[in-house]
Amino acid sequence: MENNPNIKHLFDNVDLLKEDGRFYVLMGEEKLQITKEELLLILHDHELVFNVVINAKRKHDFNTFMDRYSPMEY
C-alpha cells in the first residue's frame, strides 16, 4: 500500500483512497465512499475525517450515540 499514489495515509488505520474517479476513507477493514467536498474538508484538516465518517454513517444507520460526536452540524 505504501507505493500506491492513489492512497494518502492520515492516521494509524485511516487512509484516503482514489479509485475509478471516486474517493473513499479506509478505516481498518471498512471502505466508505465520500464526496469530493468531504475529501477537501479532510485534506484541509485531517482531524475532520472522523466527523465525515460519523456523518456518512448517520445517513445509513441511525444511532443517537453518534450524535454527540458530530460537531459539523453546529
Protein backbone atom coordinates (compact mmCIF):
# COMPACT_ATOMS: atom_id res chain seq x y z
CA MET A 1 0.00 0.00 0.00
CA GLU A 2 2.91 2.41 0.62
CA ASN A 3 3.76 2.61 -3.09
CA ASN A 4 0.22 3.34 -4.29
CA PRO A 5 -0.06 7.03 -5.36
CA ASN A 6 -3.86 6.80 -5.02
CA ILE A 7 -3.64 6.30 -1.25
CA LYS A 8 -2.90 9.05 1.28
CA HIS A 9 -2.14 7.94 4.82
CA LEU A 10 -3.73 10.09 7.55
CA PHE A 11 -3.52 8.17 10.84
CA ASP A 12 -2.95 4.61 12.03
CA ASN A 13 -5.52 2.52 10.16
CA VAL A 14 -7.02 5.59 8.41
CA ASP A 15 -6.29 6.30 4.75
CA LEU A 16 -7.84 8.12 1.80
CA LEU A 17 -8.21 6.29 -1.49
CA LYS A 18 -8.99 7.46 -5.02
CA GLU A 19 -10.34 4.63 -7.16
CA ASP A 20 -12.15 4.87 -10.51
CA GLY A 21 -12.73 8.61 -10.01
CA ARG A 22 -14.35 8.10 -6.60
CA PHE A 23 -12.98 8.89 -3.16
CA TYR A 24 -13.03 6.64 -0.10
CA VAL A 25 -11.98 6.62 3.52
CA LEU A 26 -10.37 3.36 4.57
CA MET A 27 -10.64 2.64 8.29
CA GLY A 28 -9.32 -0.78 9.14
CA GLU A 29 -11.41 -3.23 7.13
CA GLU A 30 -14.09 -0.65 6.28
CA LYS A 31 -14.26 1.28 2.99
CA LEU A 32 -16.61 4.28 2.95
CA GLN A 33 -17.28 6.37 -0.14
CA ILE A 34 -17.09 10.14 0.37
CA THR A 35 -17.82 13.16 -1.82
CA LYS A 36 -15.18 15.44 -3.31
CA GLU A 37 -16.31 18.18 -0.90
CA GLU A 38 -15.79 15.86 2.06
CA LEU A 39 -12.38 14.94 0.69
CA LEU A 40 -11.42 18.62 0.52
CA LEU A 41 -12.53 19.12 4.14
CA ILE A 42 -10.38 16.20 5.24
CA LEU A 43 -7.37 17.41 3.27
CA HIS A 44 -7.74 20.85 4.85
CA ASP A 45 -7.84 19.38 8.37
CA HIS A 46 -7.11 15.66 8.77
CA GLU A 47 -8.96 15.54 12.11
CA LEU A 48 -12.22 16.14 10.21
CA VAL A 49 -12.03 12.62 8.76
CA PHE A 50 -13.76 11.32 11.88
CA ASN A 51 -16.63 13.82 11.58
CA VAL A 52 -17.07 12.97 7.89
CA VAL A 53 -17.23 9.24 8.69
CA ILE A 54 -19.73 9.74 11.51
CA ASN A 55 -21.96 11.93 9.33
CA ALA A 56 -21.81 9.44 6.44
CA LYS A 57 -22.69 6.55 8.73
CA ARG A 58 -25.59 8.50 10.21
CA LYS A 59 -27.14 8.69 6.74
CA HIS A 60 -27.36 4.90 6.72
CA ASP A 61 -27.58 3.87 10.38
CA PHE A 62 -29.47 5.99 12.88
CA ASN A 63 -27.54 5.91 16.13
CA THR A 64 -28.14 8.59 18.75
CA PHE A 65 -24.86 7.70 20.46
CA MET A 66 -23.03 9.14 17.44
CA ASP A 67 -24.93 12.44 17.61
CA ARG A 68 -22.90 13.87 20.43
CA TYR A 69 -19.66 13.31 18.50
CA SER A 70 -20.62 15.19 15.34
CA PRO A 71 -19.79 18.89 15.72
CA MET A 72 -20.06 19.58 11.96
CA GLU A 73 -23.76 20.43 12.37
CA TYR A 74 -23.17 23.20 14.90
